[in-house]
């Protein structure tokens, strides 16, 4: 009954990881990946989502090893979590 952004799994990961989140009501959702400098690397979600639980896969592709952050914004909710890419 509330917004939730889960820790990605696996973590550390190579070459892809799963990110799960919960939306308690229809909302416009953005889920983005950032590098350590705060630069946007990837947009995973940018759409209206119905109430429910969602799972998104991020394929790091040619991104270098390091620490990345993923941020969700939905309604008045925002959260950030850290993940580690090890190649």
C-alpha atoms as a PDB file:
ATOM      1  CA  UNK A   1       0.000   0.000   0.000  1.00  0.00           C
ATOM      2  CA  UNK A   2       3.032   2.289  -0.400  1.00  0.00           C
ATOM      3  CA  UNK A   3       5.768   3.077  -2.912  1.00  0.00           C
ATOM      4  CA  UNK A   4       8.871   0.935  -2.606  1.00  0.00           C
ATOM      5  CA  UNK A   5      12.177   0.628  -4.448  1.00  0.00           C
ATOM      6  CA  UNK A   6      14.008  -2.611  -3.737  1.00  0.00           C
ATOM      7  CA  UNK A   7      17.738  -3.268  -3.790  1.00  0.00           C
ATOM      8  CA  UNK A   8      18.852  -4.558  -7.174  1.00  0.00           C
ATOM      9  CA  UNK A   9      19.854  -8.192  -7.568  1.00  0.00           C
ATOM     10  CA  UNK A  10      22.319  -9.587  -8.107  1.00  0.00           C
ATOM     11  CA  UNK A  11      24.579  -6.943  -6.582  1.00  0.00           C
ATOM     12  CA  UNK A  12      27.451  -6.764  -7.487  1.00  0.00           C
ATOM     13  CA  UNK A  13      26.505  -7.724 -11.032  1.00  0.00           C
ATOM     14  CA  UNK A  14      27.871  -8.363 -14.522  1.00  0.00           C
ATOM     15  CA  UNK A  15      26.523  -7.741 -17.114  1.00  0.00           C
ATOM     16  CA  UNK A  16      22.901  -7.130 -16.040  1.00  0.00           C
ATOM     17  CA  UNK A  17      20.833  -6.677 -12.892  1.00  0.00           C
ATOM     18  CA  UNK A  18      17.157  -6.594 -11.906  1.00  0.00           C
ATOM     19  CA  UNK A  19      15.443  -3.676 -10.192  1.00  0.00           C
ATOM     20  CA  UNK A  20      12.047  -4.188  -8.605  1.00  0.00           C
ATOM     21  CA  UNK A  21       9.636  -1.485  -7.480  1.00  0.00           C
ATOM     22  CA  UNK A  22       6.064  -1.164  -6.205  1.00  0.00           C
ATOM     23  CA  UNK A  23       3.545   1.482  -7.251  1.00  0.00           C
ATOM     24  CA  UNK A  24       0.468   1.634  -4.946  1.00  0.00           C
ATOM     25  CA  UNK A  25      -1.615   3.743  -7.349  1.00  0.00           C
ATOM     26  CA  UNK A  26      -1.551   4.783 -10.992  1.00  0.00           C
ATOM     27  CA  UNK A  27       1.443   7.118 -11.281  1.00  0.00           C
ATOM     28  CA  UNK A  28       3.888   8.599 -13.730  1.00  0.00           C
ATOM     29  CA  UNK A  29       7.129   6.764 -12.971  1.00  0.00           C
ATOM     30  CA  UNK A  30      10.719   7.526 -13.928  1.00  0.00           C
ATOM     31  CA  UNK A  31      13.555   5.147 -13.105  1.00  0.00           C
ATOM     32  CA  UNK A  32      17.013   6.299 -14.127  1.00  0.00           C
ATOM     33  CA  UNK A  33      20.591   5.106 -13.688  1.00  0.00           C
ATOM     34  CA  UNK A  34      23.386   7.552 -12.831  1.00  0.00           C
ATOM     35  CA  UNK A  35      27.163   7.237 -12.586  1.00  0.00           C
ATOM     36  CA  UNK A  36      29.248   8.452  -9.643  1.00  0.00           C
ATOM     37  CA  UNK A  37      29.433  11.938 -11.145  1.00  0.00           C
ATOM     38  CA  UNK A  38      25.638  12.185 -11.198  1.00  0.00           C
ATOM     39  CA  UNK A  39      25.463  11.904 -14.970  1.00  0.00           C
ATOM     40  CA  UNK A  40      22.395  10.135 -16.328  1.00  0.00           C
ATOM     41  CA  UNK A  41      23.463   6.857 -17.937  1.00  0.00           C
ATOM     42  CA  UNK A  42      20.158   5.184 -18.752  1.00  0.00           C
ATOM     43  CA  UNK A  43      16.402   5.742 -18.541  1.00  0.00           C
ATOM     44  CA  UNK A  44      14.737   2.448 -17.600  1.00  0.00           C
ATOM     45  CA  UNK A  45      11.175   3.699 -17.061  1.00  0.00           C
ATOM     46  CA  UNK A  46       9.496   6.921 -18.178  1.00  0.00           C
ATOM     47  CA  UNK A  47       5.780   6.150 -18.327  1.00  0.00           C
ATOM     48  CA  UNK A  48       2.463   6.016 -16.524  1.00  0.00           C
ATOM     49  CA  UNK A  49       2.294   2.759 -14.572  1.00  0.00           C
ATOM     50  CA  UNK A  50      -0.773   1.123 -13.095  1.00  0.00           C
ATOM     51  CA  UNK A  51      -0.847   0.010  -9.487  1.00  0.00           C
ATOM     52  CA  UNK A  52       1.389  -3.040  -9.092  1.00  0.00           C
ATOM     53  CA  UNK A  53       4.824  -4.601  -8.721  1.00  0.00           C
ATOM     54  CA  UNK A  54       7.320  -4.184 -11.563  1.00  0.00           C
ATOM     55  CA  UNK A  55      10.690  -5.643 -12.445  1.00  0.00           C
ATOM     56  CA  UNK A  56      13.139  -3.945 -14.816  1.00  0.00           C
ATOM     57  CA  UNK A  57      16.458  -5.280 -16.099  1.00  0.00           C
ATOM     58  CA  UNK A  58      19.418  -2.977 -16.646  1.00  0.00           C
ATOM     59  CA  UNK A  59      22.012  -4.313 -19.052  1.00  0.00           C
ATOM     60  CA  UNK A  60      25.173  -2.367 -18.321  1.00  0.00           C
ATOM     61  CA  UNK A  61      26.558  -3.035 -21.817  1.00  0.00           C
ATOM     62  CA  UNK A  62      29.771  -1.085 -22.326  1.00  0.00           C
ATOM     63  CA  UNK A  63      29.556   0.779 -19.005  1.00  0.00           C
ATOM     64  CA  UNK A  64      32.797   0.524 -17.014  1.00  0.00           C
ATOM     65  CA  UNK A  65      33.058  -1.244 -13.653  1.00  0.00           C
ATOM     66  CA  UNK A  66      32.117   0.962 -10.737  1.00  0.00           C
ATOM     67  CA  UNK A  67      29.388   2.231  -8.466  1.00  0.00           C
ATOM     68  CA  UNK A  68      26.105   3.355 -10.007  1.00  0.00           C
ATOM     69  CA  UNK A  69      22.936   4.808  -8.535  1.00  0.00           C
ATOM     70  CA  UNK A  70      19.352   4.246  -9.580  1.00  0.00           C
ATOM     71  CA  UNK A  71      16.594   6.697  -8.744  1.00  0.00           C
ATOM     72  CA  UNK A  72      12.844   6.311  -8.880  1.00  0.00           C
ATOM     73  CA  UNK A  73      10.407   9.206  -8.925  1.00  0.00           C
ATOM     74  CA  UNK A  74       6.665   8.480  -8.758  1.00  0.00           C
ATOM     75  CA  UNK A  75       3.996  10.810  -7.468  1.00  0.00           C
ATOM     76  CA  UNK A  76       5.481  12.503  -4.370  1.00  0.00           C
ATOM     77  CA  UNK A  77       7.842   9.559  -3.806  1.00  0.00           C
ATOM     78  CA  UNK A  78      11.540   9.502  -4.630  1.00  0.00           C
ATOM     79  CA  UNK A  79      14.267   7.063  -3.600  1.00  0.00           C
ATOM     80  CA  UNK A  80      17.854   6.280  -4.590  1.00  0.00           C
ATOM     81  CA  UNK A  81      19.846   3.076  -4.191  1.00  0.00           C
ATOM     82  CA  UNK A  82      23.432   2.097  -4.964  1.00  0.00           C
ATOM     83  CA  UNK A  83      24.618  -0.812  -7.125  1.00  0.00           C
ATOM     84  CA  UNK A  84      28.029  -2.149  -8.117  1.00  0.00           C
ATOM     85  CA  UNK A  85      29.047  -3.272 -11.596  1.00  0.00           C
ATOM     86  CA  UNK A  86      32.072  -5.599 -11.562  1.00  0.00           C
ATOM     87  CA  UNK A  87      33.484  -6.679 -14.909  1.00  0.00           C
END
